[in-house]
Amino acid sequence: MIGASTDTQQAQRRFREKHGLSFTFLCDAEKKLVQAYDVYKEKNMYGRKVLGTERTTFLIDRKGSIARVWVKVRPAGHAAEVLAALRALK
């Protein structure tokens, strides 16, 4: 499992430690990955339009193909949903 965000490596390290995560995070400070996956979008934040990353999960199979995509992800229960989809791939 790999996570990616536009946060700095320090911010990612703090996030991993805070939430007890053990998987690798990619630092996309230049926003190349989020733009390539078309998840860097205009969002509403407190009534203002801003550019930001739309929280999205891509499940990529062993062949490197995108098997499933979840958009506008909410954290609650999401990990279990992804795990079930991953198990269904086998």
Protein backbone atom coordinates (compact mmCIF):
# COMPACT_ATOMS: atom_id res chain seq x y z
CA MET A 1 0.00 0.00 0.00
CA ILE A 2 1.26 3.46 -0.89
CA GLY A 3 -0.16 6.82 0.05
CA ALA A 4 0.57 10.08 -1.72
CA SER A 5 -0.05 13.69 -0.85
CA THR A 6 1.19 17.14 -1.70
CA ASP A 7 2.26 17.65 1.94
CA THR A 8 5.92 17.93 2.86
CA GLN A 9 7.81 14.86 4.03
CA GLN A 10 7.80 16.26 7.58
CA ALA A 11 4.01 16.71 7.54
CA GLN A 12 3.59 13.18 6.18
CA ARG A 13 5.85 11.77 8.91
CA ARG A 14 3.81 13.52 11.61
CA PHE A 15 0.57 12.22 10.03
CA ARG A 16 1.92 8.63 9.89
CA GLU A 17 3.06 8.81 13.52
CA LYS A 18 -0.19 10.39 14.73
CA HIS A 19 -2.32 7.70 13.09
CA GLY A 20 0.07 4.75 13.55
CA LEU A 21 0.42 4.09 9.82
CA SER A 22 3.21 1.87 8.55
CA PHE A 23 2.91 2.20 4.78
CA THR A 24 4.96 4.40 2.47
CA PHE A 25 3.89 7.91 1.51
CA LEU A 26 5.01 9.62 -1.69
CA CYS A 27 5.67 13.34 -1.47
CA ASP A 28 4.10 15.12 -4.45
CA ALA A 29 5.05 18.70 -3.58
CA GLU A 30 5.25 19.62 -7.28
CA LYS A 31 1.72 18.22 -7.79
CA LYS A 32 2.71 16.09 -10.80
CA LEU A 33 1.03 12.92 -9.53
CA VAL A 34 -2.25 14.56 -8.47
CA GLN A 35 -2.45 16.30 -11.83
CA ALA A 36 -1.66 13.10 -13.75
CA TYR A 37 -4.42 11.24 -11.88
CA ASP A 38 -6.76 14.22 -12.31
CA VAL A 39 -7.46 14.65 -8.60
CA TYR A 40 -6.17 18.22 -8.26
CA LYS A 41 -9.43 20.11 -8.53
CA GLU A 42 -11.29 23.24 -7.59
CA LYS A 43 -12.93 22.75 -4.21
CA ASN A 44 -15.12 24.81 -1.89
CA MET A 45 -13.47 25.54 1.44
CA TYR A 46 -15.50 27.64 3.86
CA GLY A 47 -17.35 29.24 0.96
CA ARG A 48 -14.20 30.03 -1.04
CA LYS A 49 -13.09 28.26 -4.19
CA VAL A 50 -9.56 26.88 -3.86
CA LEU A 51 -7.42 24.35 -5.71
CA GLY A 52 -6.68 21.20 -3.78
CA THR A 53 -6.42 17.46 -3.87
CA GLU A 54 -9.73 15.61 -3.95
CA ARG A 55 -9.28 12.69 -1.55
CA THR A 56 -9.33 9.66 -3.85
CA THR A 57 -8.30 6.01 -3.56
CA PHE A 58 -7.05 4.00 -6.52
CA LEU A 59 -6.86 0.23 -6.22
CA ILE A 60 -4.20 -0.95 -8.64
CA ASP A 61 -3.99 -4.65 -9.47
CA ARG A 62 -0.86 -6.77 -9.93
CA LYS A 63 -0.77 -5.95 -13.65
CA GLY A 64 -0.66 -2.21 -12.90
CA SER A 65 -4.22 -1.54 -14.06
CA ILE A 66 -6.64 0.54 -12.05
CA ALA A 67 -9.13 -2.00 -10.69
CA ARG A 68 -11.34 0.44 -8.76
CA VAL A 69 -11.56 4.11 -7.85
CA TRP A 70 -13.20 5.76 -4.85
CA VAL A 71 -13.72 9.53 -5.13
CA LYS A 72 -14.44 12.12 -2.43
CA VAL A 73 -13.38 9.56 0.17
CA ARG A 74 -14.47 9.90 3.77
CA PRO A 75 -12.11 8.15 6.21
CA ALA A 76 -14.75 6.43 8.38
CA GLY A 77 -15.06 2.83 7.21
CA HIS A 78 -13.05 3.40 4.05
CA ALA A 79 -10.14 1.13 4.96
CA ALA A 80 -12.49 -1.83 5.47
CA GLU A 81 -14.16 -1.16 2.12
CA VAL A 82 -10.81 -1.06 0.31
CA LEU A 83 -9.62 -4.20 2.09
CA ALA A 84 -12.77 -6.06 0.98
CA ALA A 85 -12.22 -4.95 -2.62
CA LEU A 86 -8.57 -6.01 -2.40
CA ARG A 87 -9.53 -9.45 -1.14
CA ALA A 88 -12.06 -9.76 -3.97
CA LEU A 89 -9.26 -9.24 -6.51
CA LYS A 90 -7.47 -12.44 -5.46
